[in-house]
C-alpha atoms as a PDB file:
ATOM      1  CA  MET A   1      27.592  20.416  -0.343  1.00  0.00           C
ATOM      2  CA  LYS A   2      28.178  17.013   1.239  1.00  0.00           C
ATOM      3  CA  LEU A   3      25.050  15.673  -0.453  1.00  0.00           C
ATOM      4  CA  ILE A   4      26.222  16.984  -3.847  1.00  0.00           C
ATOM      5  CA  SER A   5      29.646  15.431  -3.316  1.00  0.00           C
ATOM      6  CA  MET A   6      28.057  12.105  -2.449  1.00  0.00           C
ATOM      7  CA  VAL A   7      25.872  12.209  -5.586  1.00  0.00           C
ATOM      8  CA  VAL A   8      28.883  13.004  -7.763  1.00  0.00           C
ATOM      9  CA  ALA A   9      30.818  10.162  -6.151  1.00  0.00           C
ATOM     10  CA  VAL A  10      27.970   7.694  -6.716  1.00  0.00           C
ATOM     11  CA  VAL A  11      27.651   8.723 -10.375  1.00  0.00           C
ATOM     12  CA  ALA A  12      31.418   8.359 -10.831  1.00  0.00           C
ATOM     13  CA  VAL A  13      31.384   4.890  -9.277  1.00  0.00           C
ATOM     14  CA  GLN A  14      28.458   3.829 -11.453  1.00  0.00           C
ATOM     15  CA  ALA A  15      30.239   5.055 -14.569  1.00  0.00           C
ATOM     16  CA  TRP A  16      33.388   3.186 -13.526  1.00  0.00           C
ATOM     17  CA  CYS A  17      31.361   0.011 -12.914  1.00  0.00           C
ATOM     18  CA  PHE A  18      29.701   0.192 -16.301  1.00  0.00           C
ATOM     19  CA  ALA A  19      33.052   0.777 -18.007  1.00  0.00           C
ATOM     20  CA  THR A  20      34.567  -2.129 -16.108  1.00  0.00           C
ATOM     21  CA  MET A  21      31.650  -4.385 -17.071  1.00  0.00           C
ATOM     22  CA  ALA A  22      32.055  -3.439 -20.737  1.00  0.00           C
ATOM     23  CA  PHE A  23      35.825  -3.711 -20.852  1.00  0.00           C
ATOM     24  CA  GLY A  24      35.895  -6.919 -18.843  1.00  0.00           C
ATOM     25  CA  ALA A  25      33.413  -8.645 -21.153  1.00  0.00           C
ATOM     26  CA  GLU A  26      34.275 -10.590 -24.272  1.00  0.00           C
ATOM     27  CA  PRO A  27      35.271  -8.257 -27.133  1.00  0.00           C
ATOM     28  CA  LEU A  28      32.448  -7.073 -29.352  1.00  0.00           C
ATOM     29  CA  ARG A  29      33.295  -8.549 -32.758  1.00  0.00           C
ATOM     30  CA  PHE A  30      32.632  -5.896 -35.381  1.00  0.00           C
ATOM     31  CA  ALA A  31      32.496  -6.488 -39.142  1.00  0.00           C
ATOM     32  CA  TYR A  32      33.015  -3.260 -41.051  1.00  0.00           C
ATOM     33  CA  GLN A  33      34.278  -2.207 -44.471  1.00  0.00           C
ATOM     34  CA  ASN A  34      37.262  -0.418 -45.969  1.00  0.00           C
ATOM     35  CA  ARG A  35      34.860   1.702 -48.011  1.00  0.00           C
ATOM     36  CA  VAL A  36      34.080   5.400 -48.262  1.00  0.00           C
ATOM     37  CA  GLY A  37      30.643   4.841 -46.766  1.00  0.00           C
ATOM     38  CA  ASP A  38      32.141   3.353 -43.586  1.00  0.00           C
ATOM     39  CA  ALA A  39      33.969   6.513 -42.544  1.00  0.00           C
ATOM     40  CA  LEU A  40      32.579   6.499 -38.991  1.00  0.00           C
ATOM     41  CA  SER A  41      33.705   2.918 -38.385  1.00  0.00           C
ATOM     42  CA  LEU A  42      37.130   3.502 -39.928  1.00  0.00           C
ATOM     43  CA  VAL A  43      37.708   6.631 -37.859  1.00  0.00           C
ATOM     44  CA  ALA A  44      36.486   5.028 -34.618  1.00  0.00           C
ATOM     45  CA  MET A  45      38.865   2.103 -35.098  1.00  0.00           C
ATOM     46  CA  HIS A  46      41.804   4.233 -36.269  1.00  0.00           C
ATOM     47  CA  LYS A  47      41.489   6.804 -33.464  1.00  0.00           C
ATOM     48  CA  GLY A  48      40.875   4.287 -30.667  1.00  0.00           C
ATOM     49  CA  PHE A  49      37.453   5.689 -29.771  1.00  0.00           C
ATOM     50  CA  PHE A  50      36.002   2.320 -28.755  1.00  0.00           C
ATOM     51  CA  ALA A  51      38.728   1.733 -26.183  1.00  0.00           C
ATOM     52  CA  ALA A  52      38.336   5.332 -25.003  1.00  0.00           C
ATOM     53  CA  GLU A  53      34.687   4.552 -24.236  1.00  0.00           C
ATOM     54  CA  GLY A  54      35.667   1.435 -22.280  1.00  0.00           C
ATOM     55  CA  VAL A  55      34.588  -1.072 -24.928  1.00  0.00           C
ATOM     56  CA  GLN A  56      36.765  -3.851 -26.284  1.00  0.00           C
ATOM     57  CA  VAL A  57      36.067  -4.171 -30.007  1.00  0.00           C
ATOM     58  CA  LYS A  58      37.655  -6.733 -32.282  1.00  0.00           C
ATOM     59  CA  GLY A  59      37.435  -5.302 -35.780  1.00  0.00           C
ATOM     60  CA  VAL A  60      37.045  -7.622 -38.762  1.00  0.00           C
ATOM     61  CA  LEU A  61      37.615  -5.677 -41.964  1.00  0.00           C
ATOM     62  CA  PHE A  62      35.908  -6.635 -45.240  1.00  0.00           C
ATOM     63  CA  ASN A  63      35.684  -4.929 -48.631  1.00  0.00           C
ATOM     64  CA  ASN A  64      31.933  -5.393 -49.155  1.00  0.00           C
ATOM     65  CA  GLY A  65      28.624  -5.564 -47.319  1.00  0.00           C
ATOM     66  CA  PRO A  66      27.600  -9.119 -48.290  1.00  0.00           C
ATOM     67  CA  ALA A  67      30.786 -10.440 -46.650  1.00  0.00           C
ATOM     68  CA  CYS A  68      29.854  -8.567 -43.455  1.00  0.00           C
ATOM     69  CA  ALA A  69      26.351 -10.050 -43.634  1.00  0.00           C
ATOM     70  CA  GLU A  70      27.727 -13.574 -44.022  1.00  0.00           C
ATOM     71  CA  ALA A  71      29.943 -13.068 -40.983  1.00  0.00           C
ATOM     72  CA  LEU A  72      26.899 -11.933 -39.010  1.00  0.00           C
ATOM     73  CA  TYR A  73      24.757 -14.888 -40.178  1.00  0.00           C
ATOM     74  CA  SER A  74      27.420 -17.394 -39.237  1.00  0.00           C
ATOM     75  CA  GLY A  75      28.021 -15.952 -35.782  1.00  0.00           C
ATOM     76  CA  ALA A  76      31.603 -14.998 -36.614  1.00  0.00           C
ATOM     77  CA  VAL A  77      30.819 -11.412 -35.564  1.00  0.00           C
ATOM     78  CA  ASP A  78      28.315  -9.725 -33.253  1.00  0.00           C
ATOM     79  CA  ILE A  79      27.573  -6.536 -35.172  1.00  0.00           C
ATOM     80  CA  ALA A  80      28.131  -5.452 -38.775  1.00  0.00           C
ATOM     81  CA  THR A  81      27.791  -2.663 -41.318  1.00  0.00           C
ATOM     82  CA  MET A  82      26.194  -3.126 -44.728  1.00  0.00           C
ATOM     83  CA  GLY A  83      24.285  -1.260 -47.418  1.00  0.00           C
ATOM     84  CA  ASP A  84      20.513  -1.049 -47.670  1.00  0.00           C
ATOM     85  CA  THR A  85      19.989  -3.874 -50.170  1.00  0.00           C
ATOM     86  CA  THR A  86      22.259  -6.295 -48.312  1.00  0.00           C
ATOM     87  CA  ALA A  87      20.561  -5.400 -45.029  1.00  0.00           C
ATOM     88  CA  LEU A  88      17.054  -5.959 -46.397  1.00  0.00           C
ATOM     89  CA  VAL A  89      18.013  -9.335 -47.866  1.00  0.00           C
ATOM     90  CA  ALA A  90      19.703 -10.236 -44.573  1.00  0.00           C
ATOM     91  CA  LEU A  91      16.573  -9.376 -42.594  1.00  0.00           C
ATOM     92  CA  SER A  92      14.483 -11.624 -44.833  1.00  0.00           C
ATOM     93  CA  ARG A  93      16.981 -14.442 -44.388  1.00  0.00           C
ATOM     94  CA  ASP A  94      17.419 -14.206 -40.615  1.00  0.00           C
ATOM     95  CA  PRO A  95      14.461 -13.009 -38.478  1.00  0.00           C
ATOM     96  CA  ALA A  96      16.800 -12.619 -35.486  1.00  0.00           C
ATOM     97  CA  LEU A  97      18.559  -9.619 -37.042  1.00  0.00           C
ATOM     98  CA  ARG A  98      17.817  -6.015 -36.073  1.00  0.00           C
ATOM     99  CA  ILE A  99      18.755  -2.616 -37.498  1.00  0.00           C
ATOM    100  CA  LEU A 100      20.325  -0.330 -34.895  1.00  0.00           C
ATOM    101  CA  ALA A 101      21.136   2.709 -37.008  1.00  0.00           C
ATOM    102  CA  SER A 102      22.055   4.244 -40.296  1.00  0.00           C
ATOM    103  CA  HIS A 103      25.645   5.480 -40.093  1.00  0.00           C
ATOM    104  CA  GLY A 104      25.793   7.147 -43.498  1.00  0.00           C
ATOM    105  CA  ALA A 105      23.626   8.061 -46.458  1.00  0.00           C
ATOM    106  CA  GLY A 106      23.483  10.313 -49.496  1.00  0.00           C
ATOM    107  CA  GLU A 107      20.875  10.638 -52.228  1.00  0.00           C
ATOM    108  CA  HIS A 108      23.586  11.729 -54.686  1.00  0.00           C
ATOM    109  CA  ARG A 109      26.129   9.014 -53.867  1.00  0.00           C
ATOM    110  CA  HIS A 110      24.862   6.938 -56.808  1.00  0.00           C
ATOM    111  CA  ARG A 111      25.771   8.523 -60.129  1.00  0.00           C
ATOM    112  CA  ILE A 112      25.658   8.010 -63.882  1.00  0.00           C
ATOM    113  CA  VAL A 113      29.027   8.579 -65.567  1.00  0.00           C
ATOM    114  CA  VAL A 114      29.885   8.678 -69.290  1.00  0.00           C
ATOM    115  CA  ALA A 115      33.165   9.215 -71.133  1.00  0.00           C
ATOM    116  CA  ARG A 116      34.388  12.813 -71.030  1.00  0.00           C
ATOM    117  CA  ASN A 117      34.226  13.171 -74.828  1.00  0.00           C
ATOM    118  CA  SER A 118      30.858  11.389 -75.102  1.00  0.00           C
ATOM    119  CA  PRO A 119      28.075  13.211 -76.963  1.00  0.00           C
ATOM    120  CA  LEU A 120      25.604  11.879 -74.355  1.00  0.00           C
ATOM    121  CA  ARG A 121      24.319  14.764 -72.243  1.00  0.00           C
ATOM    122  CA  THR A 122      20.900  13.829 -70.899  1.00  0.00           C
ATOM    123  CA  LEU A 123      19.101  10.787 -69.563  1.00  0.00           C
ATOM    124  CA  ALA A 124      17.126  10.592 -72.806  1.00  0.00           C
ATOM    125  CA  ASP A 125      20.391  10.400 -74.756  1.00  0.00           C
ATOM    126  CA  LEU A 126      21.093   7.046 -73.071  1.00  0.00           C
ATOM    127  CA  LYS A 127      18.177   5.309 -74.803  1.00  0.00           C
ATOM    128  CA  GLY A 128      19.423   2.221 -76.622  1.00  0.00           C
ATOM    129  CA  LYS A 129      22.901   2.597 -75.089  1.00  0.00           C
ATOM    130  CA  ARG A 130      24.934   0.049 -73.111  1.00  0.00           C
ATOM    131  CA  ILE A 131      24.765   0.856 -69.405  1.00  0.00           C
ATOM    132  CA  GLY A 132      26.916  -1.032 -66.916  1.00  0.00           C
ATOM    133  CA  ILE A 133      25.290  -1.577 -63.537  1.00  0.00           C
ATOM    134  CA  LYS A 134      25.129  -4.207 -60.816  1.00  0.00           C
ATOM    135  CA  LYS A 135      21.571  -5.506 -61.033  1.00  0.00           C
ATOM    136  CA  GLY A 136      19.440  -6.184 -57.970  1.00  0.00           C
ATOM    137  CA  THR A 137      21.108  -3.464 -55.918  1.00  0.00           C
ATOM    138  CA  SER A 138      19.877  -0.154 -54.521  1.00  0.00           C
ATOM    139  CA  THR A 139      21.753   1.499 -57.412  1.00  0.00           C
ATOM    140  CA  HIS A 140      19.598  -0.515 -59.813  1.00  0.00           C
ATOM    141  CA  GLY A 141      16.456   0.424 -57.882  1.00  0.00           C
ATOM    142  CA  GLY A 142      17.447   4.091 -57.862  1.00  0.00           C
ATOM    143  CA  LEU A 143      17.982   4.034 -61.612  1.00  0.00           C
ATOM    144  CA  MET A 144      14.537   2.457 -62.162  1.00  0.00           C
ATOM    145  CA  ALA A 145      12.955   5.168 -59.993  1.00  0.00           C
ATOM    146  CA  LEU A 146      14.794   7.892 -61.905  1.00  0.00           C
ATOM    147  CA  LEU A 147      13.713   6.454 -65.250  1.00  0.00           C
ATOM    148  CA  ALA A 148      10.088   6.193 -64.097  1.00  0.00           C
ATOM    149  CA  ALA A 149      10.158   9.801 -62.898  1.00  0.00           C
ATOM    150  CA  ASN A 150      11.264  10.809 -66.395  1.00  0.00           C
ATOM    151  CA  GLY A 151       8.725   8.690 -68.276  1.00  0.00           C
ATOM    152  CA  MET A 152      11.203   5.968 -69.274  1.00  0.00           C
ATOM    153  CA  GLN A 153      11.657   2.281 -68.506  1.00  0.00           C
ATOM    154  CA  ALA A 154      14.409  -0.338 -68.432  1.00  0.00           C
ATOM    155  CA  ALA A 155      13.437  -1.685 -71.860  1.00  0.00           C
ATOM    156  CA  ASP A 156      14.616   1.606 -73.376  1.00  0.00           C
ATOM    157  CA  PHE A 157      18.217   0.762 -72.437  1.00  0.00           C
ATOM    158  CA  LYS A 158      20.718  -2.086 -72.665  1.00  0.00           C
ATOM    159  CA  LEU A 159      21.486  -2.813 -69.027  1.00  0.00           C
ATOM    160  CA  LEU A 160      24.587  -4.959 -68.553  1.00  0.00           C
ATOM    161  CA  ASP A 161      25.042  -6.712 -65.204  1.00  0.00           C
ATOM    162  CA  LEU A 162      28.640  -5.947 -64.213  1.00  0.00           C
ATOM    163  CA  SER A 163      30.637  -5.855 -60.978  1.00  0.00           C
ATOM    164  CA  PRO A 164      31.184  -2.259 -59.788  1.00  0.00           C
ATOM    165  CA  ASP A 165      34.964  -2.796 -59.651  1.00  0.00           C
ATOM    166  CA  THR A 166      35.034  -3.449 -63.420  1.00  0.00           C
ATOM    167  CA  LEU A 167      32.906  -0.480 -64.455  1.00  0.00           C
ATOM    168  CA  PRO A 168      35.542   2.297 -64.698  1.00  0.00           C
ATOM    169  CA  GLU A 169      37.779   0.111 -66.866  1.00  0.00           C
ATOM    170  CA  ALA A 170      34.845  -0.941 -69.069  1.00  0.00           C
ATOM    171  CA  LEU A 171      33.864   2.691 -69.588  1.00  0.00           C
ATOM    172  CA  ALA A 172      37.427   3.756 -70.397  1.00  0.00           C
ATOM    173  CA  ALA A 173      37.734   0.882 -72.894  1.00  0.00           C
ATOM    174  CA  GLY A 174      34.481   1.807 -74.623  1.00  0.00           C
ATOM    175  CA  SER A 175      32.831  -1.513 -73.733  1.00  0.00           C
ATOM    176  CA  ILE A 176      29.915   0.398 -72.212  1.00  0.00           C
ATOM    177  CA  ASP A 177      28.472   3.821 -72.954  1.00  0.00           C
ATOM    178  CA  ALA A 178      27.718   4.705 -69.335  1.00  0.00           C
ATOM    179  CA  LEU A 179      28.027   3.300 -65.834  1.00  0.00           C
ATOM    180  CA  VAL A 180      25.759   3.630 -62.837  1.00  0.00           C
ATOM    181  CA  ALA A 181      27.270   2.965 -59.421  1.00  0.00           C
ATOM    182  CA  SER A 182      27.731   4.215 -55.878  1.00  0.00           C
ATOM    183  CA  GLU A 183      30.803   6.031 -54.657  1.00  0.00           C
ATOM    184  CA  PRO A 184      33.732   5.735 -54.950  1.00  0.00           C
ATOM    185  CA  THR A 185      33.240   4.063 -58.372  1.00  0.00           C
ATOM    186  CA  PRO A 186      31.924   7.221 -60.120  1.00  0.00           C
ATOM    187  CA  SER A 187      34.801   9.319 -58.760  1.00  0.00           C
ATOM    188  CA  VAL A 188      37.300   6.665 -59.846  1.00  0.00           C
ATOM    189  CA  ALA A 189      35.727   6.675 -63.326  1.00  0.00           C
ATOM    190  CA  GLU A 190      35.994  10.457 -63.507  1.00  0.00           C
ATOM    191  CA  SER A 191      39.676  10.249 -62.633  1.00  0.00           C
ATOM    192  CA  ARG A 192      40.089   7.950 -65.644  1.00  0.00           C
ATOM    193  CA  GLY A 193      38.390  10.178 -68.169  1.00  0.00           C
ATOM    194  CA  GLY A 194      34.742  10.020 -67.165  1.00  0.00           C
ATOM    195  CA  ARG A 195      32.142  12.774 -66.762  1.00  0.00           C
ATOM    196  CA  GLU A 196      28.995  12.899 -64.641  1.00  0.00           C
ATOM    197  CA  LEU A 197      25.758  12.811 -66.616  1.00  0.00           C
ATOM    198  CA  ALA A 198      23.350  12.669 -63.656  1.00  0.00           C
ATOM    199  CA  THR A 199      22.891  11.434 -60.085  1.00  0.00           C
ATOM    200  CA  LEU A 200      20.150   9.168 -58.781  1.00  0.00           C
ATOM    201  CA  GLY A 201      19.016  11.871 -56.370  1.00  0.00           C
ATOM    202  CA  GLY A 202      15.596  13.444 -56.257  1.00  0.00           C
ATOM    203  CA  VAL A 203      13.617  10.188 -56.137  1.00  0.00           C
ATOM    204  CA  GLY A 204      12.949  10.125 -52.389  1.00  0.00           C
ATOM    205  CA  ASN A 205      15.724   7.716 -51.400  1.00  0.00           C
ATOM    206  CA  SER A 206      18.767   8.560 -49.281  1.00  0.00           C
ATOM    207  CA  TYR A 207      20.303   5.076 -49.827  1.00  0.00           C
ATOM    208  CA  PRO A 208      21.169   4.555 -46.135  1.00  0.00           C
ATOM    209  CA  LEU A 209      24.109   2.477 -44.897  1.00  0.00           C
ATOM    210  CA  LEU A 210      23.203   0.416 -41.859  1.00  0.00           C
ATOM    211  CA  ILE A 211      24.426  -1.272 -38.681  1.00  0.00           C
ATOM    212  CA  LEU A 212      22.842  -4.654 -37.883  1.00  0.00           C
ATOM    213  CA  VAL A 213      23.032  -6.943 -34.884  1.00  0.00           C
ATOM    214  CA  LYS A 214      21.470 -10.218 -33.696  1.00  0.00           C
ATOM    215  CA  THR A 215      18.821 -10.153 -30.981  1.00  0.00           C
ATOM    216  CA  THR A 216      20.967 -12.368 -28.723  1.00  0.00           C
ATOM    217  CA  VAL A 217      23.644  -9.659 -28.716  1.00  0.00           C
ATOM    218  CA  LEU A 218      21.009  -7.022 -27.925  1.00  0.00           C
ATOM    219  CA  GLN A 219      19.854  -9.032 -24.947  1.00  0.00           C
ATOM    220  CA  LYS A 220      23.292  -9.812 -23.514  1.00  0.00           C
ATOM    221  CA  ARG A 221      25.594  -6.943 -24.510  1.00  0.00           C
ATOM    222  CA  ASP A 222      23.590  -3.780 -23.840  1.00  0.00           C
ATOM    223  CA  VAL A 223      26.346  -2.020 -21.867  1.00  0.00           C
ATOM    224  CA  GLN A 224      28.903  -2.709 -24.605  1.00  0.00           C
ATOM    225  CA  LEU A 225      26.528  -1.563 -27.325  1.00  0.00           C
ATOM    226  CA  ARG A 226      25.936   1.717 -25.526  1.00  0.00           C
ATOM    227  CA  GLY A 227      29.681   2.296 -25.348  1.00  0.00           C
ATOM    228  CA  PHE A 228      29.998   1.242 -28.987  1.00  0.00           C
ATOM    229  CA  PHE A 229      27.574   3.957 -30.068  1.00  0.00           C
ATOM    230  CA  ARG A 230      29.188   6.575 -27.855  1.00  0.00           C
ATOM    231  CA  ALA A 231      32.402   5.855 -29.753  1.00  0.00           C
ATOM    232  CA  LEU A 232      30.621   6.226 -33.087  1.00  0.00           C
ATOM    233  CA  ARG A 233      29.218   9.561 -31.890  1.00  0.00           C
ATOM    234  CA  ARG A 234      32.784  10.673 -31.244  1.00  0.00           C
ATOM    235  CA  ALA A 235      33.698   9.521 -34.737  1.00  0.00           C
ATOM    236  CA  GLU A 236      30.754  11.465 -36.139  1.00  0.00           C
ATOM    237  CA  ARG A 237      32.039  14.662 -34.542  1.00  0.00           C
ATOM    238  CA  PHE A 238      35.585  13.925 -35.700  1.00  0.00           C
ATOM    239  CA  VAL A 239      34.486  13.442 -39.309  1.00  0.00           C
ATOM    240  CA  ARG A 240      32.575  16.708 -39.213  1.00  0.00           C
ATOM    241  CA  GLU A 241      35.401  18.699 -37.620  1.00  0.00           C
ATOM    242  CA  ASN A 242      38.399  17.055 -39.340  1.00  0.00           C
ATOM    243  CA  PRO A 243      37.452  16.360 -42.990  1.00  0.00           C
ATOM    244  CA  ALA A 244      41.029  16.348 -44.303  1.00  0.00           C
ATOM    245  CA  GLU A 245      42.323  13.866 -41.726  1.00  0.00           C
ATOM    246  CA  THR A 246      39.219  11.722 -42.214  1.00  0.00           C
ATOM    247  CA  ALA A 247      39.812  11.649 -45.978  1.00  0.00           C
ATOM    248  CA  GLY A 248      43.363  10.491 -45.304  1.00  0.00           C
ATOM    249  CA  ILE A 249      42.158   7.635 -43.080  1.00  0.00           C
ATOM    250  CA  VAL A 250      39.538   6.538 -45.624  1.00  0.00           C
ATOM    251  CA  ALA A 251      41.960   6.872 -48.554  1.00  0.00           C
ATOM    252  CA  LYS A 252      44.485   4.575 -46.906  1.00  0.00           C
ATOM    253  CA  GLU A 253      41.916   1.856 -46.211  1.00  0.00           C
ATOM    254  CA  ASP A 254      40.056   2.105 -49.540  1.00  0.00           C
ATOM    255  CA  ARG A 255      43.274   2.427 -51.565  1.00  0.00           C
ATOM    256  CA  LEU A 256      42.286   5.781 -53.032  1.00  0.00           C
ATOM    257  CA  SER A 257      44.149   9.032 -53.336  1.00  0.00           C
ATOM    258  CA  ALA A 258      43.244  11.541 -50.639  1.00  0.00           C
ATOM    259  CA  GLU A 259      41.638  13.732 -53.305  1.00  0.00           C
ATOM    260  CA  LEU A 260      39.463  10.887 -54.604  1.00  0.00           C
ATOM    261  CA  ALA A 261      38.447   9.955 -51.064  1.00  0.00           C
ATOM    262  CA  ARG A 262      37.538  13.568 -50.295  1.00  0.00           C
ATOM    263  CA  LYS A 263      35.497  13.849 -53.487  1.00  0.00           C
ATOM    264  CA  ALA A 264      33.630  10.587 -52.870  1.00  0.00           C
ATOM    265  CA  MET A 265      32.990  11.462 -49.227  1.00  0.00           C
ATOM    266  CA  ALA A 266      31.417  14.771 -50.247  1.00  0.00           C
ATOM    267  CA  ARG A 267      28.527  12.744 -51.672  1.00  0.00           C
ATOM    268  CA  HIS A 268      27.754  11.286 -48.230  1.00  0.00           C
ATOM    269  CA  SER A 269      26.211  12.454 -45.003  1.00  0.00           C
ATOM    270  CA  TYR A 270      27.824  10.752 -42.008  1.00  0.00           C
ATOM    271  CA  ARG A 271      25.241  10.745 -39.227  1.00  0.00           C
ATOM    272  CA  LEU A 272      23.882   8.173 -36.809  1.00  0.00           C
ATOM    273  CA  GLN A 273      20.145   8.156 -37.302  1.00  0.00           C
ATOM    274  CA  LEU A 274      17.075   6.004 -37.784  1.00  0.00           C
ATOM    275  CA  ASP A 275      14.519   8.609 -38.786  1.00  0.00           C
ATOM    276  CA  ALA A 276      11.423   8.576 -40.973  1.00  0.00           C
ATOM    277  CA  ALA A 277      13.441   9.432 -44.090  1.00  0.00           C
ATOM    278  CA  THR A 278      15.666   6.402 -43.483  1.00  0.00           C
ATOM    279  CA  ILE A 279      12.666   4.091 -43.009  1.00  0.00           C
ATOM    280  CA  ASN A 280      10.954   5.496 -46.113  1.00  0.00           C
ATOM    281  CA  SER A 281      14.122   4.958 -48.148  1.00  0.00           C
ATOM    282  CA  LEU A 282      14.361   1.364 -46.967  1.00  0.00           C
ATOM    283  CA  ASN A 283      10.709   0.761 -47.819  1.00  0.00           C
ATOM    284  CA  SER A 284      11.307   2.125 -51.309  1.00  0.00           C
ATOM    285  CA  THR A 285      14.290  -0.160 -51.872  1.00  0.00           C
ATOM    286  CA  ALA A 286      12.416  -3.135 -50.377  1.00  0.00           C
ATOM    287  CA  ALA A 287       9.543  -2.612 -52.822  1.00  0.00           C
ATOM    288  CA  PHE A 288      12.011  -2.683 -55.718  1.00  0.00           C
ATOM    289  CA  LEU A 289      13.700  -5.827 -54.385  1.00  0.00           C
ATOM    290  CA  LYS A 290      10.337  -7.571 -54.124  1.00  0.00           C
ATOM    291  CA  VAL A 291       9.620  -6.789 -57.788  1.00  0.00           C
ATOM    292  CA  GLN A 292      13.072  -8.184 -58.601  1.00  0.00           C
ATOM    293  CA  LYS A 293      12.200 -11.300 -56.544  1.00  0.00           C
ATOM    294  CA  LYS A 294      15.106 -10.677 -54.188  1.00  0.00           C
ATOM    295  CA  LEU A 295      12.543 -10.507 -51.372  1.00  0.00           C
ATOM    296  CA  GLN A 296       9.479 -12.714 -51.012  1.00  0.00           C
ATOM    297  CA  GLN A 297       7.657 -10.214 -48.836  1.00  0.00           C
ATOM    298  CA  LEU A 298       8.113  -6.677 -47.598  1.00  0.00           C
ATOM    299  CA  PRO A 299       9.670  -6.375 -44.125  1.00  0.00           C
ATOM    300  CA  ASP A 300       7.942  -4.686 -41.208  1.00  0.00           C
ATOM    301  CA  LEU A 301      10.707  -2.182 -40.636  1.00  0.00           C
ATOM    302  CA  HIS A 302       9.228  -0.795 -37.446  1.00  0.00           C
ATOM    303  CA  ALA A 303       9.399  -4.293 -35.956  1.00  0.00           C
ATOM    304  CA  VAL A 304      13.058  -4.843 -36.872  1.00  0.00           C
ATOM    305  CA  THR A 305      14.513  -1.433 -35.944  1.00  0.00           C
ATOM    306  CA  VAL A 306      15.911  -0.702 -32.475  1.00  0.00           C
ATOM    307  CA  PRO A 307      16.621   3.034 -32.100  1.00  0.00           C
ATOM    308  CA  ARG A 308      17.381   3.092 -28.368  1.00  0.00           C
ATOM    309  CA  TYR A 309      21.122   3.546 -28.820  1.00  0.00           C
ATOM    310  CA  LEU A 310      20.581   6.794 -30.693  1.00  0.00           C
ATOM    311  CA  ARG A 311      18.818   8.525 -27.804  1.00  0.00           C
END
C-alpha cells in the first residue's frame, strides 16, 4: 500500500510539474476563425478548456484561413487553423510548417445551390449556366471532380470567380444561376430563397480543416502543445454531447442565427484526426491545385504531418 501511495504521489507531482511548466511558459499564440468549421477552437476558447488543461493560450480571431496562414508565416502566432487549400499552399511556401491534425471535415459541406423557383434540377441542367464559385479553392476542385465523375467538364459551364460572401446575394438577385461554396454560405443562401441542387460529396474527398504549426514551436513547446490538444479533445466531447449550446457559441461568433449555425454544422464532422482518408483527401486537392498552378509540386504529406499529439 505504501508503494502504491508513493507511485500515486510521484505521478501527481509529475503532472503538477508539467502543468506548471506549461502555464509558466509564454502563452501559445493561436490563430483561429469565427467560422462554422472551427467549432472545436471556438468551444475550447469559450469554455476555458485551455486554461483548465494548464495551458496559457492567447487567441487571435480571424474570419478566414488565409489570414491565419499569414499570421503563422510572419511569426505573429505559433499555431493556426486553416482549410485544406490554404494549408497546402502554406506548406509549399514555408517548408518549416507542419500539419498536426484535422479538426473538422465533411464531404457534404460544399454544396451547389440554385434559386428555389429555378427549373434547374440536375447537374446536367447547369450546362451553359452562370455558376458563382471561388476559383482555386477546394470547392473548385471538388466541383471539377464531381463534373468528371458525371462525364462533364468546366467548359460546359460559365464559371464566375466570386467571393463566397457575395454569392447568396448574387443568387437572390439573379446575377448567377447557381452557387457552389462551403458552409455556411449554402445555408445562408437557402435562408434567402435558395434550394440545394447537389453536394460535392461522393468524390473521395472529406475536405479536411487543419491545424498547422512551425517546427520551432514543435521543438520548444511540446508540453504546451500536449495540453493544447487535451483541451481540444475536451471540446470535441463537448460538441458531441452539447450540440445546441455549441450551435449557440458558433452562431454568436459567425454572426448567424442559431438555426443556421445548427444546419451548417450538421454538414461537418468535428474530430481530431490525421488518418489515411485525411491524407488521401489532401493529396486529391493538391493534385487539383498543381493543375491550377497554385502549387509547383506535390507535397510529401507523410513528411509534413506530425500525428503524435493525437495518440
